[in-house]
Amino acid sequence: METTRTKRSITAGAAEAAIAAAREAATGMGKPMSIAVTDESGALVAFCRMDGAPLLSVDLAQDKAYTAISFGIPTHAWHDFIKDDPPLATGIPTVRRLVVFGGGYPIVIDGEMVGGIGVSGGHYTDDMKVAEAGLAAL
């Protein structure tokens, strides 16, 4: 029986590269946003609150990244997952830090989840585009 396992995690350098690419995309859209990158356990690795980003976006960006790594699915996938299940649709959105709309993605490298990215500050569809730009940098 094995008693330990090795986990891979995003590096600070890679997290900063994702932040820079996402920030550039948000700037191009003219929308100040908050951008968070966590490791595979949900701990914050890198963060940027652009000038003028809404205050609420600070926690939402971090929670979107956390949600994405928690189940290994993008935050926007939660809506379809719960919409036809009344007990789940009623209960799961009350779970602390769970976000059920777009802007959070797991970061998967070489088939292994190494972190998450979360973006908030615009409509969730804009948040998704900015997060995808951050992912593309990796």
C-alpha atoms as a PDB file:
ATOM      1  CA  MET A   1       0.000   0.000   0.000  1.00  0.00           C
ATOM      2  CA  GLU A   2       1.308   3.430  -0.950  1.00  0.00           C
ATOM      3  CA  THR A   3       1.189   5.996   1.813  1.00  0.00           C
ATOM      4  CA  THR A   4       1.987   9.179  -0.158  1.00  0.00           C
ATOM      5  CA  ARG A   5       1.476  10.601  -3.608  1.00  0.00           C
ATOM      6  CA  THR A   6       3.089  13.324  -5.648  1.00  0.00           C
ATOM      7  CA  LYS A   7       0.984  16.263  -6.790  1.00  0.00           C
ATOM      8  CA  ARG A   8       1.957  18.751  -9.461  1.00  0.00           C
ATOM      9  CA  SER A   9       1.209  22.426  -8.947  1.00  0.00           C
ATOM     10  CA  ILE A  10       1.311  25.568 -11.058  1.00  0.00           C
ATOM     11  CA  THR A  11       4.425  27.675 -10.573  1.00  0.00           C
ATOM     12  CA  ALA A  12       4.341  31.314  -9.565  1.00  0.00           C
ATOM     13  CA  GLY A  13       5.901  32.192 -12.927  1.00  0.00           C
ATOM     14  CA  ALA A  14       3.187  30.391 -14.871  1.00  0.00           C
ATOM     15  CA  ALA A  15       0.501  31.960 -12.689  1.00  0.00           C
ATOM     16  CA  GLU A  16       1.934  35.423 -13.380  1.00  0.00           C
ATOM     17  CA  ALA A  17       1.985  34.676 -17.138  1.00  0.00           C
ATOM     18  CA  ALA A  18      -1.691  33.718 -17.019  1.00  0.00           C
ATOM     19  CA  ILE A  19      -2.486  36.901 -15.055  1.00  0.00           C
ATOM     20  CA  ALA A  20      -0.597  39.066 -17.561  1.00  0.00           C
ATOM     21  CA  ALA A  21      -2.417  37.549 -20.548  1.00  0.00           C
ATOM     22  CA  ALA A  22      -5.790  37.859 -18.845  1.00  0.00           C
ATOM     23  CA  ARG A  23      -5.072  41.448 -17.828  1.00  0.00           C
ATOM     24  CA  GLU A  24      -4.161  42.276 -21.426  1.00  0.00           C
ATOM     25  CA  ALA A  25      -7.444  40.774 -22.653  1.00  0.00           C
ATOM     26  CA  ALA A  26      -9.447  42.716 -20.065  1.00  0.00           C
ATOM     27  CA  THR A  27      -7.646  45.927 -21.005  1.00  0.00           C
ATOM     28  CA  GLY A  28      -8.466  45.277 -24.660  1.00  0.00           C
ATOM     29  CA  MET A  29     -12.132  44.950 -23.725  1.00  0.00           C
ATOM     30  CA  GLY A  30     -11.971  48.147 -21.688  1.00  0.00           C
ATOM     31  CA  LYS A  31     -13.198  46.314 -18.588  1.00  0.00           C
ATOM     32  CA  PRO A  32     -11.209  46.402 -15.357  1.00  0.00           C
ATOM     33  CA  MET A  33     -11.311  43.004 -13.680  1.00  0.00           C
ATOM     34  CA  SER A  34      -9.904  40.961 -10.832  1.00  0.00           C
ATOM     35  CA  ILE A  35      -7.925  37.888 -11.841  1.00  0.00           C
ATOM     36  CA  ALA A  36      -6.913  35.068  -9.505  1.00  0.00           C
ATOM     37  CA  VAL A  37      -4.796  31.966 -10.011  1.00  0.00           C
ATOM     38  CA  THR A  38      -4.777  29.229  -7.381  1.00  0.00           C
ATOM     39  CA  ASP A  39      -2.795  26.040  -7.004  1.00  0.00           C
ATOM     40  CA  GLU A  40      -4.448  22.621  -7.206  1.00  0.00           C
ATOM     41  CA  SER A  41      -5.585  22.860  -3.585  1.00  0.00           C
ATOM     42  CA  GLY A  42      -7.238  26.264  -4.008  1.00  0.00           C
ATOM     43  CA  ALA A  43      -4.531  28.363  -2.340  1.00  0.00           C
ATOM     44  CA  LEU A  44      -3.933  31.703  -4.032  1.00  0.00           C
ATOM     45  CA  VAL A  45      -0.728  31.843  -6.094  1.00  0.00           C
ATOM     46  CA  ALA A  46      -1.170  35.121  -7.995  1.00  0.00           C
ATOM     47  CA  PHE A  47      -3.747  37.890  -8.037  1.00  0.00           C
ATOM     48  CA  CYS A  48      -4.403  41.191  -9.799  1.00  0.00           C
ATOM     49  CA  ARG A  49      -7.130  43.727  -9.174  1.00  0.00           C
ATOM     50  CA  MET A  50      -6.997  46.103 -12.091  1.00  0.00           C
ATOM     51  CA  ASP A  51      -7.559  49.795 -11.383  1.00  0.00           C
ATOM     52  CA  GLY A  52     -11.303  50.362 -11.257  1.00  0.00           C
ATOM     53  CA  ALA A  53     -12.295  46.706 -10.870  1.00  0.00           C
ATOM     54  CA  PRO A  54     -15.396  46.347  -8.674  1.00  0.00           C
ATOM     55  CA  LEU A  55     -14.740  45.504  -5.035  1.00  0.00           C
ATOM     56  CA  LEU A  56     -16.996  42.439  -5.154  1.00  0.00           C
ATOM     57  CA  SER A  57     -14.875  41.080  -8.021  1.00  0.00           C
ATOM     58  CA  VAL A  58     -11.940  40.520  -5.632  1.00  0.00           C
ATOM     59  CA  ASP A  59     -13.630  37.674  -3.750  1.00  0.00           C
ATOM     60  CA  LEU A  60     -15.565  36.415  -6.771  1.00  0.00           C
ATOM     61  CA  ALA A  61     -12.416  35.914  -8.861  1.00  0.00           C
ATOM     62  CA  GLN A  62     -10.793  33.906  -6.076  1.00  0.00           C
ATOM     63  CA  ASP A  63     -13.962  31.894  -5.469  1.00  0.00           C
ATOM     64  CA  LYS A  64     -14.316  31.106  -9.182  1.00  0.00           C
ATOM     65  CA  ALA A  65     -10.781  29.686  -9.271  1.00  0.00           C
ATOM     66  CA  TYR A  66     -11.495  27.741  -6.071  1.00  0.00           C
ATOM     67  CA  THR A  67     -14.771  26.361  -7.469  1.00  0.00           C
ATOM     68  CA  ALA A  68     -13.021  25.272 -10.665  1.00  0.00           C
ATOM     69  CA  ILE A  69     -10.391  23.226  -8.831  1.00  0.00           C
ATOM     70  CA  SER A  70     -12.870  21.844  -6.320  1.00  0.00           C
ATOM     71  CA  PHE A  71     -14.563  19.603  -8.877  1.00  0.00           C
ATOM     72  CA  GLY A  72     -12.253  20.042 -11.859  1.00  0.00           C
ATOM     73  CA  ILE A  73     -14.915  21.680 -14.029  1.00  0.00           C
ATOM     74  CA  PRO A  74     -15.432  25.242 -15.267  1.00  0.00           C
ATOM     75  CA  THR A  75     -17.807  27.304 -13.159  1.00  0.00           C
ATOM     76  CA  HIS A  76     -20.235  27.772 -16.057  1.00  0.00           C
ATOM     77  CA  ALA A  77     -20.767  23.985 -16.211  1.00  0.00           C
ATOM     78  CA  TRP A  78     -22.457  24.079 -12.801  1.00  0.00           C
ATOM     79  CA  HIS A  79     -25.671  25.633 -14.128  1.00  0.00           C
ATOM     80  CA  ASP A  80     -26.419  22.761 -16.519  1.00  0.00           C
ATOM     81  CA  PHE A  81     -25.359  20.278 -13.857  1.00  0.00           C
ATOM     82  CA  ILE A  82     -27.874  21.539 -11.282  1.00  0.00           C
ATOM     83  CA  LYS A  83     -30.701  23.207 -13.234  1.00  0.00           C
ATOM     84  CA  ASP A  84     -32.928  20.109 -13.517  1.00  0.00           C
ATOM     85  CA  ASP A  85     -32.256  18.819 -10.009  1.00  0.00           C
ATOM     86  CA  PRO A  86     -34.375  20.857  -7.548  1.00  0.00           C
ATOM     87  CA  PRO A  87     -32.682  19.708  -4.328  1.00  0.00           C
ATOM     88  CA  LEU A  88     -29.242  20.356  -5.769  1.00  0.00           C
ATOM     89  CA  ALA A  89     -30.279  23.630  -7.431  1.00  0.00           C
ATOM     90  CA  THR A  90     -31.680  24.858  -4.115  1.00  0.00           C
ATOM     91  CA  GLY A  91     -28.904  23.671  -1.831  1.00  0.00           C
ATOM     92  CA  ILE A  92     -25.587  23.757  -3.659  1.00  0.00           C
ATOM     93  CA  PRO A  93     -25.540  27.507  -4.453  1.00  0.00           C
ATOM     94  CA  THR A  94     -25.579  28.170  -0.704  1.00  0.00           C
ATOM     95  CA  VAL A  95     -22.238  26.382  -0.279  1.00  0.00           C
ATOM     96  CA  ARG A  96     -19.579  28.896   0.712  1.00  0.00           C
ATOM     97  CA  ARG A  97     -17.218  29.847  -2.142  1.00  0.00           C
ATOM     98  CA  LEU A  98     -19.168  27.917  -4.815  1.00  0.00           C
ATOM     99  CA  VAL A  99     -19.827  29.999  -7.948  1.00  0.00           C
ATOM    100  CA  VAL A 100     -22.264  28.629 -10.546  1.00  0.00           C
ATOM    101  CA  PHE A 101     -21.705  31.060 -13.428  1.00  0.00           C
ATOM    102  CA  GLY A 102     -18.831  31.601 -15.838  1.00  0.00           C
ATOM    103  CA  GLY A 103     -15.341  32.911 -15.263  1.00  0.00           C
ATOM    104  CA  GLY A 104     -13.551  30.061 -13.481  1.00  0.00           C
ATOM    105  CA  TYR A 105     -11.572  27.254 -15.105  1.00  0.00           C
ATOM    106  CA  PRO A 106      -9.337  24.456 -13.905  1.00  0.00           C
ATOM    107  CA  ILE A 107      -5.781  24.718 -15.206  1.00  0.00           C
ATOM    108  CA  VAL A 108      -4.799  21.385 -16.702  1.00  0.00           C
ATOM    109  CA  ILE A 109      -1.260  20.762 -17.923  1.00  0.00           C
ATOM    110  CA  ASP A 110      -0.214  17.426 -19.403  1.00  0.00           C
ATOM    111  CA  GLY A 111      -3.522  15.923 -18.324  1.00  0.00           C
ATOM    112  CA  GLU A 112      -3.165  16.905 -14.676  1.00  0.00           C
ATOM    113  CA  MET A 113      -5.028  19.666 -12.859  1.00  0.00           C
ATOM    114  CA  VAL A 114      -2.372  21.985 -11.436  1.00  0.00           C
ATOM    115  CA  GLY A 115      -4.471  25.003 -10.511  1.00  0.00           C
ATOM    116  CA  GLY A 116      -7.414  27.222 -11.320  1.00  0.00           C
ATOM    117  CA  ILE A 117      -8.048  30.644 -12.806  1.00  0.00           C
ATOM    118  CA  GLY A 118     -10.927  32.907 -11.875  1.00  0.00           C
ATOM    119  CA  VAL A 119     -11.922  36.240 -13.376  1.00  0.00           C
ATOM    120  CA  SER A 120     -14.596  38.699 -12.271  1.00  0.00           C
ATOM    121  CA  GLY A 121     -15.549  42.264 -13.096  1.00  0.00           C
ATOM    122  CA  GLY A 122     -17.705  42.082 -16.194  1.00  0.00           C
ATOM    123  CA  HIS A 123     -20.634  40.016 -17.358  1.00  0.00           C
ATOM    124  CA  TYR A 124     -19.766  36.375 -16.813  1.00  0.00           C
ATOM    125  CA  THR A 125     -19.365  35.877 -20.587  1.00  0.00           C
ATOM    126  CA  ASP A 126     -16.681  38.584 -20.587  1.00  0.00           C
ATOM    127  CA  ASP A 127     -15.085  37.012 -17.509  1.00  0.00           C
ATOM    128  CA  MET A 128     -14.938  33.712 -19.406  1.00  0.00           C
ATOM    129  CA  LYS A 129     -13.158  35.302 -22.395  1.00  0.00           C
ATOM    130  CA  VAL A 130     -10.584  36.928 -20.144  1.00  0.00           C
ATOM    131  CA  ALA A 131      -9.977  33.676 -18.209  1.00  0.00           C
ATOM    132  CA  GLU A 132      -9.600  31.797 -21.510  1.00  0.00           C
ATOM    133  CA  ALA A 133      -6.949  34.311 -22.584  1.00  0.00           C
ATOM    134  CA  GLY A 134      -5.096  33.560 -19.362  1.00  0.00           C
ATOM    135  CA  LEU A 135      -5.322  29.836 -20.024  1.00  0.00           C
ATOM    136  CA  ALA A 136      -4.061  30.289 -23.575  1.00  0.00           C
ATOM    137  CA  ALA A 137      -0.844  31.775 -22.198  1.00  0.00           C
ATOM    138  CA  LEU A 138      -0.036  28.448 -20.566  1.00  0.00           C
END
